[in-house]
Protein backbone atom coordinates (compact mmCIF):
# COMPACT_ATOMS: atom_id res chain seq x y z
CA MET A 1 157.09 235.29 233.65
CA THR A 2 156.82 231.88 232.10
CA SER A 3 153.55 231.10 233.85
CA THR A 4 152.11 234.37 232.51
CA LYS A 5 152.96 233.41 228.89
CA LEU A 6 151.45 229.97 229.31
CA HIS A 7 148.34 231.52 230.70
CA GLU A 8 148.10 233.89 227.72
CA ASN A 9 148.57 231.03 225.22
CA ASN A 10 145.90 228.93 226.92
CA THR A 11 143.58 231.93 226.87
CA ASP A 12 144.12 232.41 223.10
CA ASP A 13 143.43 228.73 222.37
CA ALA A 14 140.30 228.84 224.46
CA ASN A 15 139.10 231.92 222.57
CA LYS A 16 139.67 230.24 219.21
CA MET A 17 137.80 227.13 220.29
CA SER A 18 134.92 229.18 221.60
CA GLU A 19 134.70 231.07 218.29
CA LEU A 20 134.77 227.83 216.38
CA LEU A 21 132.02 226.33 218.54
CA GLN A 22 129.71 229.26 218.02
CA PRO A 23 126.53 228.18 216.12
CA GLU A 24 127.14 230.36 213.06
CA LYS A 25 130.82 229.33 212.80
CA LYS A 26 129.97 225.68 213.26
CA PHE A 27 127.30 225.90 210.55
CA ASN A 28 129.76 227.49 208.08
CA VAL A 29 132.33 224.73 208.65
CA LEU A 30 129.75 221.98 208.15
CA GLU A 31 128.39 223.72 205.05
CA THR A 32 131.88 223.98 203.53
CA ARG A 33 132.54 220.29 204.14
CA LYS A 34 129.20 219.39 202.61
CA ASN A 35 129.93 221.43 199.47
CA LEU A 36 133.35 219.80 199.09
CA THR A 37 131.81 216.36 199.46
CA GLN A 38 129.16 217.12 196.84
CA GLN A 39 131.79 218.52 194.46
CA LYS A 40 133.88 215.35 194.79
CA LYS A 41 130.82 213.20 194.11
CA ILE A 42 130.00 215.21 190.99
CA GLU A 43 133.60 214.96 189.72
CA LYS A 44 133.59 211.22 190.34
CA LEU A 45 130.25 210.86 188.55
CA ILE A 46 131.53 212.79 185.54
CA GLY A 47 134.79 210.86 185.49
CA THR A 48 133.09 207.46 185.60
CA ALA A 49 130.24 208.25 183.20
CA PRO A 50 130.03 205.71 180.38
CA THR A 51 131.40 206.92 177.08
CA SER A 52 130.36 205.44 173.74
CA TYR A 53 133.02 204.69 171.15
CA GLU A 54 132.51 203.89 167.49
CA ARG A 55 132.63 200.27 166.44
CA LEU A 56 135.53 199.19 164.23
CA PRO A 57 134.33 196.18 162.18
CA MET A 58 137.62 195.55 160.41
CA LEU A 59 139.46 195.37 163.75
CA GLU A 60 137.31 192.36 164.63
CA VAL A 61 138.41 190.67 161.40
CA VAL A 62 142.06 191.48 162.11
CA PHE A 63 141.75 190.03 165.61
CA ASP A 64 140.20 186.85 164.24
CA ARG A 65 143.08 186.46 161.79
CA PHE A 66 145.55 187.09 164.61
CA VAL A 67 144.09 184.28 166.74
CA ARG A 68 144.40 181.77 163.88
CA ARG A 69 147.90 182.90 163.03
CA LEU A 70 149.11 182.87 166.66
CA THR A 71 147.68 179.38 167.22
CA THR A 72 149.84 178.05 164.40
CA THR A 73 152.88 179.99 165.63
CA LEU A 74 152.69 178.71 169.22
CA ARG A 75 152.06 175.13 168.16
CA ASN A 76 155.25 175.26 166.13
CA ARG A 77 157.12 176.89 169.00
CA ILE A 78 156.12 174.57 171.85
CA THR A 79 155.28 170.88 171.81
CA ASP A 80 152.18 171.13 174.01
CA SER A 81 148.60 171.45 172.81
CA VAL A 82 147.62 175.10 172.30
CA VAL A 83 144.09 176.48 171.96
CA ILE A 84 143.45 180.23 171.60
CA SER A 85 140.00 181.74 171.88
CA ILE A 86 138.63 185.29 171.74
CA ARG A 87 137.04 186.62 174.92
CA GLU A 88 135.82 190.06 173.87
CA ILE A 89 136.60 193.30 172.09
CA PHE A 90 135.72 196.18 174.36
CA SER A 91 136.19 199.97 174.48
CA GLN A 92 136.85 201.79 177.73
CA ARG A 93 139.03 204.46 179.32
CA TRP A 94 142.66 203.67 179.98
CA GLU A 95 142.28 204.55 183.66
CA GLU A 96 139.36 202.12 184.04
CA TYR A 97 141.38 199.27 182.59
CA LEU A 98 144.29 199.86 184.97
CA GLN A 99 141.94 199.94 187.96
CA ASN A 100 140.33 196.61 187.02
CA ASP A 101 143.49 194.85 185.89
CA ALA A 102 145.29 192.34 188.11
CA LYS A 103 148.28 193.80 189.89
CA LYS A 104 150.60 190.90 189.06
CA SER A 105 150.31 191.17 185.27
CA LEU A 106 153.25 191.63 182.94
CA TYR A 107 153.03 194.66 180.62
CA VAL A 108 154.73 194.47 177.23
CA VAL A 109 155.03 197.95 175.73
CA PHE A 110 155.41 198.06 171.95
CA LYS A 111 155.57 200.88 169.42
CA ALA A 112 154.12 201.33 165.92
CA ASP A 113 156.24 203.91 164.11
CA GLU A 114 153.91 203.90 161.09
CA TRP A 115 151.04 205.06 163.34
CA ASN A 116 153.18 207.19 165.65
CA GLY A 117 151.79 205.53 168.76
CA SER A 118 152.35 202.82 171.37
CA GLY A 119 150.26 199.94 172.67
CA VAL A 120 150.45 197.34 175.42
CA LEU A 121 150.25 193.57 175.53
CA VAL A 122 149.18 192.45 179.00
CA LEU A 123 149.91 188.88 180.14
CA GLU A 124 148.32 187.37 183.20
CA SER A 125 150.88 185.86 185.59
CA LYS A 126 149.30 182.43 185.19
CA LEU A 127 149.78 182.59 181.43
CA PHE A 128 153.34 183.83 181.87
CA TYR A 129 154.37 180.79 183.92
CA SER A 130 152.47 178.39 181.67
CA LEU A 131 154.55 179.59 178.71
CA ILE A 132 157.76 179.30 180.75
CA ASP A 133 156.91 175.72 181.78
CA SER A 134 156.15 174.75 178.19
CA LEU A 135 159.39 176.22 176.92
CA LEU A 136 161.37 174.28 179.54
CA GLY A 137 159.42 171.06 178.99
CA GLY A 138 157.88 171.21 182.46
CA ARG A 139 154.82 169.66 184.04
CA LYS A 140 151.48 169.28 182.31
CA GLU A 141 149.24 169.68 185.35
CA LYS A 142 147.85 172.97 186.55
CA ASN A 143 150.45 175.33 188.04
CA ALA A 144 148.22 177.77 189.90
CA PHE A 145 150.64 178.14 192.79
CA LEU A 146 153.22 179.82 190.57
CA SER A 147 150.88 182.74 189.90
CA ASN A 148 151.09 183.73 193.56
CA ARG A 149 154.65 184.96 193.19
CA ASP A 150 155.13 188.70 193.54
CA HIS A 151 157.79 189.27 190.88
CA TYR A 152 159.33 187.97 187.68
CA THR A 153 163.03 187.16 187.57
CA GLU A 154 165.32 188.48 184.86
CA ILE A 155 165.96 184.93 183.64
CA GLU A 156 162.23 184.33 183.23
CA LYS A 157 161.85 187.61 181.34
CA ALA A 158 164.71 186.64 179.01
CA LEU A 159 163.07 183.27 178.32
CA ILE A 160 159.70 184.78 177.47
CA LYS A 161 160.99 187.54 175.17
CA PRO A 162 161.26 185.39 171.99
CA ILE A 163 157.60 184.37 172.35
CA LEU A 164 156.59 187.99 172.95
CA HIS A 165 158.34 188.98 169.73
CA GLU A 166 156.45 186.25 167.86
CA ILE A 167 153.12 187.38 169.32
CA LEU A 168 153.78 190.97 168.24
CA THR A 169 154.88 189.81 164.79
CA SER A 170 151.74 187.72 164.34
CA PHE A 171 149.59 190.66 165.42
CA ALA A 172 151.34 193.02 162.97
CA GLU A 173 151.03 190.54 160.09
CA SER A 174 147.29 190.33 160.73
CA PHE A 175 147.06 194.00 159.68
CA TYR A 176 148.95 193.50 156.40
CA PRO A 177 145.81 193.17 154.18
CA LEU A 178 144.82 196.62 155.47
CA CYS A 179 148.15 198.40 155.86
CA LYS A 180 151.82 197.79 156.46
CA VAL A 181 152.79 198.11 160.13
CA ASP A 182 155.42 196.71 162.47
CA PHE A 183 155.06 196.43 166.23
CA ALA A 184 158.50 196.95 167.75
CA PHE A 185 159.12 195.57 171.23
CA GLU A 186 160.22 198.32 173.64
CA ARG A 187 160.27 197.10 177.25
CA LEU A 188 158.72 194.95 179.96
CA GLU A 189 157.03 196.53 182.94
CA THR A 190 155.37 195.18 186.10
CA ASN A 191 154.23 198.53 187.52
CA THR A 192 151.30 200.33 185.90
CA ARG A 193 152.80 203.71 186.71
CA PHE A 194 155.47 203.12 184.05
CA VAL A 195 153.00 202.02 181.36
CA ALA A 196 151.92 205.46 180.14
CA VAL A 197 150.78 204.78 176.56
CA SER A 198 147.72 207.03 176.86
CA ARG A 199 146.22 209.70 179.07
CA PRO A 200 144.03 208.32 181.89
CA MET A 201 140.74 209.59 180.46
CA ASP A 202 141.46 208.71 176.81
CA GLY A 203 139.67 205.80 175.16
CA VAL A 204 141.36 202.51 174.34
CA VAL A 205 140.33 199.30 172.59
CA ARG A 206 140.86 196.13 174.62
CA LEU A 207 141.31 192.92 172.63
CA SER A 208 141.02 190.08 175.12
CA PHE A 209 141.81 186.42 174.42
CA ASN A 210 142.59 183.17 176.26
CA ILE A 211 145.57 180.91 175.65
CA GLN A 212 145.13 177.35 176.82
CA ILE A 213 148.26 175.21 177.07
CA GLU A 214 147.31 171.65 178.03
CA GLU A 215 145.25 172.11 181.23
CA ASN A 216 146.37 175.66 181.97
CA ILE A 217 144.32 178.61 180.77
CA GLY A 218 145.72 182.15 180.93
CA LYS A 219 144.37 185.52 179.88
CA ALA A 220 145.99 188.19 177.69
CA ASP A 221 144.93 191.61 176.44
CA PHE A 222 146.03 193.89 173.64
CA ILE A 223 145.46 197.55 174.55
CA LEU A 224 145.34 199.92 171.56
CA PRO A 225 144.61 203.63 172.21
CA TYR A 226 142.13 205.22 169.81
CA ALA A 227 144.70 207.93 169.11
CA MET A 228 147.08 205.22 167.92
CA LEU A 229 144.48 203.84 165.47
CA GLU A 230 143.56 207.25 164.06
CA PRO A 231 145.78 206.94 160.90
CA ILE A 232 143.79 203.86 159.77
CA ARG A 233 140.44 204.79 161.31
CA ASP A 234 138.64 205.06 157.95
CA THR A 235 139.91 201.63 156.93
CA LEU A 236 138.85 200.02 160.21
CA LEU A 237 135.34 201.46 159.83
CA GLN A 238 134.77 199.52 156.61
CA GLN A 239 132.56 196.44 156.57
CA TYR A 240 134.02 192.97 156.06
CA MET A 241 133.32 191.39 152.62
CA GLY A 242 134.97 188.07 151.85
CA GLU A 243 138.05 186.39 153.28
CA LYS A 244 140.38 188.90 151.66
CA LEU A 245 139.20 191.78 153.82
CA GLY A 246 136.95 193.71 151.46
CA HIS A 247 138.06 192.15 148.13
CA ASP A 248 135.69 189.59 146.60
CA THR A 249 137.55 188.20 143.58
CA VAL A 250 134.43 186.67 142.00
CA TRP A 251 132.63 190.01 142.03
CA GLU A 252 135.73 191.86 140.81
CA ASN A 253 136.15 189.53 137.81
CA HIS A 254 132.48 189.85 136.93
CA LEU A 255 132.65 193.64 137.19
CA VAL A 256 135.70 193.80 134.91
CA GLN A 257 134.01 191.63 132.27
CA GLU A 258 130.89 193.76 132.30
CA LEU A 259 132.90 196.97 132.06
CA TRP A 260 134.47 195.80 128.79
CA LYS A 261 130.95 195.45 127.36
CA THR A 262 129.80 198.90 128.43
CA HIS A 263 128.72 201.31 125.67
CA ILE A 264 129.86 204.93 125.96
CA ASN A 265 129.17 208.03 123.88
CA ILE A 266 132.09 209.60 122.03
CA ASP A 267 132.06 213.21 120.80
CA VAL A 268 134.27 214.48 117.99
CA VAL A 269 134.87 218.20 118.52
CA LEU A 270 135.75 220.03 115.32
CA GLY A 271 136.52 223.28 117.09
CA GLU A 272 135.59 225.64 119.90
CA GLN A 273 134.91 229.36 119.91
CA GLU A 274 133.61 231.86 122.44
CA ILE A 275 130.49 233.75 121.29
CA ASP A 276 128.45 236.35 123.10
CA PHE A 277 125.12 235.14 124.41
CA ASN A 278 123.39 238.00 122.60
CA LYS A 279 124.64 236.69 119.23
CA ILE A 280 123.57 233.13 120.07
CA THR A 281 120.02 234.26 120.74
CA ASN A 282 119.95 236.00 117.35
CA PHE A 283 121.04 232.92 115.38
CA SER A 284 118.63 231.76 112.66
CA PRO A 285 118.70 228.99 110.05
CA GLY A 286 121.32 229.73 107.39
CA ASP A 287 123.76 231.59 109.66
CA LYS A 288 127.35 230.38 109.55
CA ILE A 289 129.95 229.93 112.32
CA PHE A 290 133.56 230.19 111.24
CA LEU A 291 135.86 227.93 113.34
CA ARG A 292 139.08 229.38 111.96
CA ARG A 293 140.61 225.93 111.59
CA LEU A 294 142.25 224.26 108.62
CA SER A 295 141.04 220.92 107.34
CA GLU A 296 144.37 219.29 108.21
CA ASN A 297 144.23 220.40 111.87
CA PHE A 298 143.61 217.85 114.64
CA VAL A 299 140.18 217.40 116.17
CA SER A 300 139.46 216.28 119.74
CA VAL A 301 137.75 213.00 120.62
CA ARG A 302 136.02 213.21 124.01
CA SER A 303 133.77 211.22 126.30
CA GLY A 304 132.02 212.72 129.29
CA GLY A 305 133.92 215.97 128.84
CA LYS A 306 137.32 214.26 129.06
CA ASP A 307 139.78 214.23 126.13
CA LEU A 308 140.57 210.70 124.98
CA PHE A 309 142.34 211.16 121.61
CA THR A 310 143.38 213.65 118.96
CA ALA A 311 142.58 212.72 115.38
CA LYS A 312 142.53 213.93 111.78
CA MET A 313 139.39 214.33 109.69
CA GLY A 314 138.98 212.39 106.44
CA GLN A 315 136.58 210.37 104.32
CA ARG A 316 135.91 206.67 103.99
CA ARG A 317 133.39 205.09 101.66
CA GLY A 318 131.64 208.39 101.11
CA GLY A 319 131.33 209.19 104.79
CA VAL A 320 133.23 211.33 107.30
CA ALA A 321 135.90 209.46 109.27
CA ILE A 322 138.68 210.22 111.70
CA SER A 323 142.17 208.79 112.10
CA ILE A 324 143.49 208.51 115.70
CA GLU A 325 146.85 210.20 116.08
CA ASN A 326 147.46 210.60 119.84
CA SER A 327 145.96 208.99 122.95
CA PHE A 328 145.47 210.51 126.43
CA ILE A 329 144.30 207.27 128.07
CA GLU A 330 146.69 206.23 130.87
């Protein structure tokens, strides 16, 4: 009985294999695989297609101010020589950045409540250990071997937190000429799966800079999603004019002085009345318009259709004059 069942099962498997090896079946299987391969290639091509993002001129100015401010802050914090330089300001997808980023980086997640969004400060492991060494008064030579470690201890994270707070504070203060914002420290992460500040295909701005401490040079990045910058997008699109971020005091003072010398036309309105257009077309010299106003009533003083004052009519030296009673100028 058992041998009969085995024989039947082997017969069924043989039939299935023979059907699969038939020319038309084999062609269909190969065609299906080919279509799936082409579909995956198309999806990959669409997903990796370059996307253009609008340039934010004022963000470049903010970043430049941040580098100068952070240089002063770190020099006051540590006794070693500190040089900070800008590498680049680049726009890309969040997924692309994570794929190209080093796996041993430290991710500092911060939040901007005023913008209702979160960003990331990324520290290269080499920079992380250079800062730790400087804080502890360690060696001055290159410490490349430390960057080969696979993890950061809790003690090291606790030591670096005060500097991270100062970096975030300096970055937030660089935005103050544009808007008031505070970057609140949230958490430290070493795994990119827990750094979800944006959707994979959404655009982000990468602000990259180098921090050189004595002979050690480390890299750092600020990652700001475009959705996070949306509340101040119009401000960031402005062009830079002068050190005060769009405010040239010399030009402003000159403009104010010239405005005081400007001549404007002033209209004194005795009264207003609605009249049919048919009557207006029939007016001829000698016709009279009755305003139904008393001589002691106020008249309106206007410029450009806007009420400036109310006044009373009178005479002075044989001519008509007005006496200002109320002002509407704020």
